[in-house]
Amino acid sequence: MHMARFPEKVDSKFRFVLLAARRAEQLIRGAQERMPRESPKYARHAMSEMQLDLIEWDYGEAPESPQTTSGEEGRPRPGDDAFRRRGTVH
């Protein structure tokens, strides 16, 4: 499997790897496979599904800008999710 080949709608290799990892997690937890398994490894199978454009995904809703109090602009408040999920795999 060559990393130079990834679906056109995926904008970078980094995003491809993130999406394939998330899909591999879904497969590990029992998600239905979208194609016959060619490899016993979940990550390779997830990457194959992504390359064949069998997986629907989107960026999700845009994150809300953090509300600032006490002049700390741009810094997350306690309890805020510092890492917000940008893309989802369905």
PDB file of N, CA and C in Angstrom:
ATOM      1  N   MET A   1       0.854  -1.177   0.000  1.00  0.00           N
ATOM      2  CA  MET A   1       0.000   0.000   0.000  1.00  0.00           C
ATOM      3  C   MET A   1       0.892   1.229   0.000  1.00  0.00           C
ATOM      4  N   HIS A   2       0.673   2.096  -0.934  1.00  0.00           N
ATOM      5  CA  HIS A   2       1.516   3.263  -1.085  1.00  0.00           C
ATOM      6  C   HIS A   2       0.773   4.500  -0.602  1.00  0.00           C
ATOM      7  N   MET A   3       1.413   5.304   0.254  1.00  0.00           N
ATOM      8  CA  MET A   3       0.756   6.472   0.839  1.00  0.00           C
ATOM      9  C   MET A   3       0.518   7.587  -0.175  1.00  0.00           C
ATOM     10  N   ALA A   4       1.133   7.531  -1.333  1.00  0.00           N
ATOM     11  CA  ALA A   4       0.896   8.575  -2.328  1.00  0.00           C
ATOM     12  C   ALA A   4      -0.520   8.482  -2.889  1.00  0.00           C
ATOM     13  N   ARG A   5      -1.163   7.310  -2.717  1.00  0.00           N
ATOM     14  CA  ARG A   5      -2.523   7.135  -3.227  1.00  0.00           C
ATOM     15  C   ARG A   5      -3.521   7.270  -2.081  1.00  0.00           C
ATOM     16  N   PHE A   6      -4.220   8.370  -2.057  1.00  0.00           N
ATOM     17  CA  PHE A   6      -5.324   8.523  -1.121  1.00  0.00           C
ATOM     18  C   PHE A   6      -6.427   9.293  -1.819  1.00  0.00           C
ATOM     19  N   PRO A   7      -7.669   9.148  -1.345  1.00  0.00           N
ATOM     20  CA  PRO A   7      -8.809   9.746  -2.052  1.00  0.00           C
ATOM     21  C   PRO A   7      -8.656  11.253  -2.269  1.00  0.00           C
ATOM     22  N   GLU A   8      -9.201  11.724  -3.373  1.00  0.00           N
ATOM     23  CA  GLU A   8      -9.099  13.146  -3.719  1.00  0.00           C
ATOM     24  C   GLU A   8      -9.738  14.050  -2.671  1.00  0.00           C
ATOM     25  N   LYS A   9     -10.834  13.607  -2.058  1.00  0.00           N
ATOM     26  CA  LYS A   9     -11.504  14.492  -1.105  1.00  0.00           C
ATOM     27  C   LYS A   9     -10.768  14.591   0.231  1.00  0.00           C
ATOM     28  N   VAL A  10      -9.760  13.739   0.448  1.00  0.00           N
ATOM     29  CA  VAL A  10      -8.921  13.848   1.640  1.00  0.00           C
ATOM     30  C   VAL A  10      -7.807  14.822   1.293  1.00  0.00           C
ATOM     31  N   ASP A  11      -7.679  15.883   2.087  1.00  0.00           N
ATOM     32  CA  ASP A  11      -6.793  16.983   1.714  1.00  0.00           C
ATOM     33  C   ASP A  11      -5.321  16.782   2.058  1.00  0.00           C
ATOM     34  N   SER A  12      -4.977  15.779   2.860  1.00  0.00           N
ATOM     35  CA  SER A  12      -3.568  15.577   3.201  1.00  0.00           C
ATOM     36  C   SER A  12      -3.338  14.142   3.668  1.00  0.00           C
ATOM     37  N   LYS A  13      -2.084  13.737   3.635  1.00  0.00           N
ATOM     38  CA  LYS A  13      -1.724  12.407   4.134  1.00  0.00           C
ATOM     39  C   LYS A  13      -2.008  12.319   5.632  1.00  0.00           C
ATOM     40  N   PHE A  14      -1.767  13.400   6.331  1.00  0.00           N
ATOM     41  CA  PHE A  14      -2.016  13.429   7.770  1.00  0.00           C
ATOM     42  C   PHE A  14      -3.483  13.127   8.070  1.00  0.00           C
ATOM     43  N   ARG A  15      -4.400  13.785   7.366  1.00  0.00           N
ATOM     44  CA  ARG A  15      -5.821  13.542   7.594  1.00  0.00           C
ATOM     45  C   ARG A  15      -6.190  12.111   7.203  1.00  0.00           C
ATOM     46  N   PHE A  16      -5.594  11.605   6.129  1.00  0.00           N
ATOM     47  CA  PHE A  16      -5.840  10.231   5.704  1.00  0.00           C
ATOM     48  C   PHE A  16      -5.478   9.253   6.825  1.00  0.00           C
ATOM     49  N   VAL A  17      -4.325   9.451   7.429  1.00  0.00           N
ATOM     50  CA  VAL A  17      -3.888   8.573   8.515  1.00  0.00           C
ATOM     51  C   VAL A  17      -4.834   8.687   9.715  1.00  0.00           C
ATOM     52  N   LEU A  18      -5.243   9.908  10.058  1.00  0.00           N
ATOM     53  CA  LEU A  18      -6.164  10.090  11.181  1.00  0.00           C
ATOM     54  C   LEU A  18      -7.501   9.402  10.925  1.00  0.00           C
ATOM     55  N   LEU A  19      -8.031   9.569   9.732  1.00  0.00           N
ATOM     56  CA  LEU A  19      -9.313   8.958   9.396  1.00  0.00           C
ATOM     57  C   LEU A  19      -9.212   7.439   9.357  1.00  0.00           C
ATOM     58  N   ALA A  20      -8.125   6.928   8.796  1.00  0.00           N
ATOM     59  CA  ALA A  20      -7.942   5.478   8.750  1.00  0.00           C
ATOM     60  C   ALA A  20      -7.790   4.914  10.165  1.00  0.00           C
ATOM     61  N   ALA A  21      -7.107   5.637  11.038  1.00  0.00           N
ATOM     62  CA  ALA A  21      -6.955   5.180  12.425  1.00  0.00           C
ATOM     63  C   ALA A  21      -8.314   5.138  13.126  1.00  0.00           C
ATOM     64  N   ARG A  22      -9.118   6.160  12.905  1.00  0.00           N
ATOM     65  CA  ARG A  22     -10.445   6.182  13.519  1.00  0.00           C
ATOM     66  C   ARG A  22     -11.309   5.039  12.971  1.00  0.00           C
ATOM     67  N   ARG A  23     -11.205   4.786  11.679  1.00  0.00           N
ATOM     68  CA  ARG A  23     -11.960   3.680  11.079  1.00  0.00           C
ATOM     69  C   ARG A  23     -11.458   2.339  11.621  1.00  0.00           C
ATOM     70  N   ALA A  24     -10.142   2.184  11.807  1.00  0.00           N
ATOM     71  CA  ALA A  24      -9.596   0.954  12.370  1.00  0.00           C
ATOM     72  C   ALA A  24     -10.147   0.719  13.778  1.00  0.00           C
ATOM     73  N   GLU A  25     -10.263   1.785  14.569  1.00  0.00           N
ATOM     74  CA  GLU A  25     -10.856   1.668  15.909  1.00  0.00           C
ATOM     75  C   GLU A  25     -12.298   1.170  15.811  1.00  0.00           C
ATOM     76  N   GLN A  26     -13.049   1.705  14.849  1.00  0.00           N
ATOM     77  CA  GLN A  26     -14.433   1.259  14.667  1.00  0.00           C
ATOM     78  C   GLN A  26     -14.482  -0.222  14.316  1.00  0.00           C
ATOM     79  N   LEU A  27     -13.581  -0.662  13.440  1.00  0.00           N
ATOM     80  CA  LEU A  27     -13.548  -2.072  13.053  1.00  0.00           C
ATOM     81  C   LEU A  27     -13.197  -2.963  14.242  1.00  0.00           C
ATOM     82  N   ILE A  28     -12.270  -2.523  15.050  1.00  0.00           N
ATOM     83  CA  ILE A  28     -11.886  -3.279  16.239  1.00  0.00           C
ATOM     84  C   ILE A  28     -13.080  -3.439  17.173  1.00  0.00           C
ATOM     85  N   ARG A  29     -13.912  -2.420  17.250  1.00  0.00           N
ATOM     86  CA  ARG A  29     -15.076  -2.448  18.138  1.00  0.00           C
ATOM     87  C   ARG A  29     -16.282  -3.133  17.516  1.00  0.00           C
ATOM     88  N   GLY A  30     -16.121  -3.672  16.305  1.00  0.00           N
ATOM     89  CA  GLY A  30     -17.184  -4.475  15.717  1.00  0.00           C
ATOM     90  C   GLY A  30     -17.977  -3.843  14.600  1.00  0.00           C
ATOM     91  N   ALA A  31     -17.513  -2.723  14.047  1.00  0.00           N
ATOM     92  CA  ALA A  31     -18.227  -2.095  12.930  1.00  0.00           C
ATOM     93  C   ALA A  31     -18.218  -3.026  11.723  1.00  0.00           C
ATOM     94  N   GLN A  32     -19.252  -2.898  10.908  1.00  0.00           N
ATOM     95  CA  GLN A  32     -19.367  -3.729   9.718  1.00  0.00           C
ATOM     96  C   GLN A  32     -18.333  -3.315   8.674  1.00  0.00           C
ATOM     97  N   GLU A  33     -17.656  -4.301   8.112  1.00  0.00           N
ATOM     98  CA  GLU A  33     -16.664  -4.028   7.086  1.00  0.00           C
ATOM     99  C   GLU A  33     -17.367  -3.702   5.777  1.00  0.00           C
ATOM    100  N   ARG A  34     -16.807  -2.799   4.992  1.00  0.00           N
ATOM    101  CA  ARG A  34     -17.410  -2.351   3.737  1.00  0.00           C
ATOM    102  C   ARG A  34     -16.915  -3.119   2.530  1.00  0.00           C
ATOM    103  N   MET A  35     -15.954  -4.026   2.734  1.00  0.00           N
ATOM    104  CA  MET A  35     -15.398  -4.824   1.645  1.00  0.00           C
ATOM    105  C   MET A  35     -14.839  -6.105   2.245  1.00  0.00           C
ATOM    106  N   PRO A  36     -14.632  -7.124   1.434  1.00  0.00           N
ATOM    107  CA  PRO A  36     -14.031  -8.354   1.956  1.00  0.00           C
ATOM    108  C   PRO A  36     -12.632  -8.080   2.504  1.00  0.00           C
ATOM    109  N   ARG A  37     -12.343  -8.707   3.599  1.00  0.00           N
ATOM    110  CA  ARG A  37     -11.059  -8.476   4.266  1.00  0.00           C
ATOM    111  C   ARG A  37      -9.918  -9.075   3.449  1.00  0.00           C
ATOM    112  N   GLU A  38      -8.904  -8.245   3.157  1.00  0.00           N
ATOM    113  CA  GLU A  38      -7.716  -8.689   2.432  1.00  0.00           C
ATOM    114  C   GLU A  38      -6.527  -8.850   3.365  1.00  0.00           C
ATOM    115  N   SER A  39      -6.586  -8.209   4.516  1.00  0.00           N
ATOM    116  CA  SER A  39      -5.487  -8.245   5.469  1.00  0.00           C
ATOM    117  C   SER A  39      -6.047  -8.502   6.860  1.00  0.00           C
ATOM    118  N   PRO A  40      -5.337  -9.262   7.680  1.00  0.00           N
ATOM    119  CA  PRO A  40      -5.815  -9.470   9.044  1.00  0.00           C
ATOM    120  C   PRO A  40      -5.624  -8.234   9.926  1.00  0.00           C
ATOM    121  N   LYS A  41      -4.892  -7.253   9.438  1.00  0.00           N
ATOM    122  CA  LYS A  41      -4.612  -6.048  10.217  1.00  0.00           C
ATOM    123  C   LYS A  41      -5.712  -5.008   9.994  1.00  0.00           C
ATOM    124  N   TYR A  42      -6.245  -4.505  11.102  1.00  0.00           N
ATOM    125  CA  TYR A  42      -7.344  -3.545  11.022  1.00  0.00           C
ATOM    126  C   TYR A  42      -6.918  -2.243  10.339  1.00  0.00           C
ATOM    127  N   ALA A  43      -5.722  -1.763  10.625  1.00  0.00           N
ATOM    128  CA  ALA A  43      -5.275  -0.501  10.028  1.00  0.00           C
ATOM    129  C   ALA A  43      -5.169  -0.615   8.508  1.00  0.00           C
ATOM    130  N   ARG A  44      -4.610  -1.700   8.020  1.00  0.00           N
ATOM    131  CA  ARG A  44      -4.489  -1.882   6.568  1.00  0.00           C
ATOM    132  C   ARG A  44      -5.872  -1.996   5.921  1.00  0.00           C
ATOM    133  N   HIS A  45      -6.771  -2.710   6.588  1.00  0.00           N
ATOM    134  CA  HIS A  45      -8.123  -2.847   6.039  1.00  0.00           C
ATOM    135  C   HIS A  45      -8.813  -1.479   6.001  1.00  0.00           C
ATOM    136  N   ALA A  46      -8.665  -0.700   7.058  1.00  0.00           N
ATOM    137  CA  ALA A  46      -9.268   0.640   7.101  1.00  0.00           C
ATOM    138  C   ALA A  46      -8.696   1.519   5.999  1.00  0.00           C
ATOM    139  N   MET A  47      -7.394   1.451   5.767  1.00  0.00           N
ATOM    140  CA  MET A  47      -6.781   2.260   4.709  1.00  0.00           C
ATOM    141  C   MET A  47      -7.285   1.820   3.337  1.00  0.00           C
ATOM    142  N   SER A  48      -7.483   0.522   3.143  1.00  0.00           N
ATOM    143  CA  SER A  48      -8.025   0.041   1.868  1.00  0.00           C
ATOM    144  C   SER A  48      -9.440   0.567   1.651  1.00  0.00           C
ATOM    145  N   GLU A  49     -10.265   0.546   2.703  1.00  0.00           N
ATOM    146  CA  GLU A  49     -11.628   1.086   2.596  1.00  0.00           C
ATOM    147  C   GLU A  49     -11.599   2.572   2.245  1.00  0.00           C
ATOM    148  N   MET A  50     -10.668   3.299   2.860  1.00  0.00           N
ATOM    149  CA  MET A  50     -10.553   4.729   2.575  1.00  0.00           C
ATOM    150  C   MET A  50     -10.109   4.951   1.129  1.00  0.00           C
ATOM    151  N   GLN A  51      -9.125   4.188   0.668  1.00  0.00           N
ATOM    152  CA  GLN A  51      -8.612   4.370  -0.686  1.00  0.00           C
ATOM    153  C   GLN A  51      -9.668   4.058  -1.737  1.00  0.00           C
ATOM    154  N   LEU A  52     -10.545   3.109  -1.457  1.00  0.00           N
ATOM    155  CA  LEU A  52     -11.609   2.770  -2.397  1.00  0.00           C
ATOM    156  C   LEU A  52     -12.832   3.671  -2.239  1.00  0.00           C
ATOM    157  N   ASP A  53     -12.707   4.678  -1.369  1.00  0.00           N
ATOM    158  CA  ASP A  53     -13.765   5.664  -1.133  1.00  0.00           C
ATOM    159  C   ASP A  53     -15.059   5.004  -0.656  1.00  0.00           C
ATOM    160  N   LEU A  54     -14.920   4.019   0.227  1.00  0.00           N
ATOM    161  CA  LEU A  54     -16.079   3.320   0.773  1.00  0.00           C
ATOM    162  C   LEU A  54     -16.545   3.920   2.093  1.00  0.00           C
ATOM    163  N   ILE A  55     -15.805   4.873   2.613  1.00  0.00           N
ATOM    164  CA  ILE A  55     -16.089   5.457   3.912  1.00  0.00           C
ATOM    165  C   ILE A  55     -16.551   6.897   3.727  1.00  0.00           C
ATOM    166  N   GLU A  56     -17.707   7.211   4.284  1.00  0.00           N
ATOM    167  CA  GLU A  56     -18.224   8.583   4.274  1.00  0.00           C
ATOM    168  C   GLU A  56     -17.683   9.318   5.497  1.00  0.00           C
ATOM    169  N   TRP A  57     -17.227  10.525   5.316  1.00  0.00           N
ATOM    170  CA  TRP A  57     -16.753  11.330   6.435  1.00  0.00           C
ATOM    171  C   TRP A  57     -16.949  12.798   6.095  1.00  0.00           C
ATOM    172  N   ASP A  58     -16.927  13.627   7.130  1.00  0.00           N
ATOM    173  CA  ASP A  58     -16.982  15.066   6.920  1.00  0.00           C
ATOM    174  C   ASP A  58     -16.219  15.740   8.042  1.00  0.00           C
ATOM    175  N   TYR A  59     -16.117  17.051   7.963  1.00  0.00           N
ATOM    176  CA  TYR A  59     -15.369  17.810   8.959  1.00  0.00           C
ATOM    177  C   TYR A  59     -16.173  18.054  10.231  1.00  0.00           C
ATOM    178  N   GLY A  60     -17.469  17.808  10.197  1.00  0.00           N
ATOM    179  CA  GLY A  60     -18.297  18.088  11.363  1.00  0.00           C
ATOM    180  C   GLY A  60     -18.591  19.573  11.471  1.00  0.00           C
ATOM    181  N   GLU A  61     -19.263  19.934  12.526  1.00  0.00           N
ATOM    182  CA  GLU A  61     -19.599  21.336  12.745  1.00  0.00           C
ATOM    183  C   GLU A  61     -18.365  22.107  13.164  1.00  0.00           C
ATOM    184  N   ALA A  62     -18.305  23.367  12.760  1.00  0.00           N
ATOM    185  CA  ALA A  62     -17.181  24.207  13.160  1.00  0.00           C
ATOM    186  C   ALA A  62     -17.225  24.424  14.665  1.00  0.00           C
ATOM    187  N   PRO A  63     -16.068  24.377  15.318  1.00  0.00           N
ATOM    188  CA  PRO A  63     -16.056  24.584  16.765  1.00  0.00           C
ATOM    189  C   PRO A  63     -16.431  26.020  17.097  1.00  0.00           C
ATOM    190  N   GLU A  64     -17.084  26.181  18.236  1.00  0.00           N
ATOM    191  CA  GLU A  64     -17.435  27.520  18.691  1.00  0.00           C
ATOM    192  C   GLU A  64     -16.177  28.193  19.210  1.00  0.00           C
ATOM    193  N   SER A  65     -16.104  29.510  19.031  1.00  0.00           N
ATOM    194  CA  SER A  65     -14.956  30.218  19.578  1.00  0.00           C
ATOM    195  C   SER A  65     -15.094  30.252  21.094  1.00  0.00           C
ATOM    196  N   PRO A  66     -13.995  30.073  21.810  1.00  0.00           N
ATOM    197  CA  PRO A  66     -14.078  30.049  23.268  1.00  0.00           C
ATOM    198  C   PRO A  66     -14.509  31.402  23.819  1.00  0.00           C
ATOM    199  N   GLN A  67     -15.370  31.379  24.809  1.00  0.00           N
ATOM    200  CA  GLN A  67     -15.790  32.599  25.484  1.00  0.00           C
ATOM    201  C   GLN A  67     -14.653  33.033  26.395  1.00  0.00           C
ATOM    202  N   THR A  68     -14.317  34.289  26.341  1.00  0.00           N
ATOM    203  CA  THR A  68     -13.199  34.751  27.152  1.00  0.00           C
ATOM    204  C   THR A  68     -13.705  35.482  28.382  1.00  0.00           C
ATOM    205  N   THR A  69     -13.076  35.168  29.461  1.00  0.00           N
ATOM    206  CA  THR A  69     -13.306  35.890  30.706  1.00  0.00           C
ATOM    207  C   THR A  69     -11.947  36.151  31.312  1.00  0.00           C
ATOM    208  N   SER A  70     -11.800  37.213  31.987  1.00  0.00           N
ATOM    209  CA  SER A  70     -10.561  37.637  32.645  1.00  0.00           C
ATOM    210  C   SER A  70      -9.411  37.852  31.654  1.00  0.00           C
ATOM    211  N   GLY A  71      -9.718  38.187  30.395  1.00  0.00           N
ATOM    212  CA  GLY A  71      -8.713  38.602  29.434  1.00  0.00           C
ATOM    213  C   GLY A  71      -7.800  37.514  28.898  1.00  0.00           C
ATOM    214  N   GLU A  72      -8.149  36.264  29.016  1.00  0.00           N
ATOM    215  CA  GLU A  72      -7.307  35.182  28.502  1.00  0.00           C
ATOM    216  C   GLU A  72      -7.813  34.743  27.134  1.00  0.00           C
ATOM    217  N   GLU A  73      -7.614  35.585  26.136  1.00  0.00           N
ATOM    218  CA  GLU A  73      -8.123  35.268  24.796  1.00  0.00           C
ATOM    219  C   GLU A  73      -7.397  34.080  24.194  1.00  0.00           C
ATOM    220  N   GLY A  74      -8.170  33.206  23.548  1.00  0.00           N
ATOM    221  CA  GLY A  74      -7.599  32.093  22.826  1.00  0.00           C
ATOM    222  C   GLY A  74      -7.216  30.896  23.672  1.00  0.00           C
ATOM    223  N   ARG A  75      -7.194  31.031  24.979  1.00  0.00           N
ATOM    224  CA  ARG A  75      -6.839  29.895  25.834  1.00  0.00           C
ATOM    225  C   ARG A  75      -8.111  29.213  26.304  1.00  0.00           C
ATOM    226  N   PRO A  76      -8.135  27.873  26.260  1.00  0.00           N
ATOM    227  CA  PRO A  76      -9.337  27.170  26.704  1.00  0.00           C
ATOM    228  C   PRO A  76      -9.531  27.325  28.210  1.00  0.00           C
ATOM    229  N   ARG A  77     -10.786  27.400  28.610  1.00  0.00           N
ATOM    230  CA  ARG A  77     -11.123  27.465  30.029  1.00  0.00           C
ATOM    231  C   ARG A  77     -11.121  26.061  30.609  1.00  0.00           C
ATOM    232  N   PRO A  78     -10.961  25.924  31.913  1.00  0.00           N
ATOM    233  CA  PRO A  78     -11.042  24.593  32.509  1.00  0.00           C
ATOM    234  C   PRO A  78     -12.368  23.937  32.155  1.00  0.00           C
ATOM    235  N   GLY A  79     -12.297  22.682  31.767  1.00  0.00           N
ATOM    236  CA  GLY A  79     -13.498  21.959  31.373  1.00  0.00           C
ATOM    237  C   GLY A  79     -13.743  21.986  29.876  1.00  0.00           C
ATOM    238  N   ASP A  80     -13.132  22.937  29.155  1.00  0.00           N
ATOM    239  CA  ASP A  80     -13.271  22.966  27.704  1.00  0.00           C
ATOM    240  C   ASP A  80     -12.438  21.838  27.117  1.00  0.00           C
ATOM    241  N   ASP A  81     -12.863  21.342  25.999  1.00  0.00           N
ATOM    242  CA  ASP A  81     -12.121  20.298  25.319  1.00  0.00           C
ATOM    243  C   ASP A  81     -11.026  20.966  24.498  1.00  0.00           C
ATOM    244  N   ALA A  82      -9.777  20.847  24.922  1.00  0.00           N
ATOM    245  CA  ALA A  82      -8.675  21.499  24.221  1.00  0.00           C
ATOM    246  C   ALA A  82      -8.457  20.900  22.836  1.00  0.00           C
ATOM    247  N   PHE A  83      -8.763  19.622  22.673  1.00  0.00           N
ATOM    248  CA  PHE A  83      -8.634  18.983  21.360  1.00  0.00           C
ATOM    249  C   PHE A  83     -10.029  18.715  20.857  1.00  0.00           C
ATOM    250  N   ARG A  84     -10.466  19.493  19.908  1.00  0.00           N
ATOM    251  CA  ARG A  84     -11.818  19.317  19.379  1.00  0.00           C
ATOM    252  C   ARG A  84     -11.768  18.482  18.131  1.00  0.00           C
ATOM    253  N   ARG A  85     -12.655  17.543  18.017  1.00  0.00           N
ATOM    254  CA  ARG A  85     -12.689  16.647  16.870  1.00  0.00           C
ATOM    255  C   ARG A  85     -13.096  17.424  15.636  1.00  0.00           C
ATOM    256  N   ARG A  86     -12.264  17.368  14.608  1.00  0.00           N
ATOM    257  CA  ARG A  86     -12.527  18.101  13.377  1.00  0.00           C
ATOM    258  C   ARG A  86     -13.196  17.244  12.324  1.00  0.00           C
ATOM    259  N   GLY A  87     -12.892  15.982  12.269  1.00  0.00           N
ATOM    260  CA  GLY A  87     -13.465  15.113  11.250  1.00  0.00           C
ATOM    261  C   GLY A  87     -14.101  13.886  11.872  1.00  0.00           C
ATOM    262  N   THR A  88     -15.099  13.390  11.238  1.00  0.00           N
ATOM    263  CA  THR A  88     -15.742  12.185  11.741  1.00  0.00           C
ATOM    264  C   THR A  88     -15.810  11.147  10.657  1.00  0.00           C
ATOM    265  N   VAL A  89     -15.730   9.934  11.066  1.00  0.00           N
ATOM    266  CA  VAL A  89     -15.882   8.815  10.148  1.00  0.00           C
ATOM    267  C   VAL A  89     -17.182   8.154  10.504  1.00  0.00           C
ATOM    268  N   HIS A  90     -18.042   7.926   9.511  1.00  0.00           N
ATOM    269  CA  HIS A  90     -19.344   7.312   9.778  1.00  0.00           C
ATOM    270  C   HIS A  90     -19.294   5.852   9.501  1.00  0.00           C
TER     271      HIS A  90
END
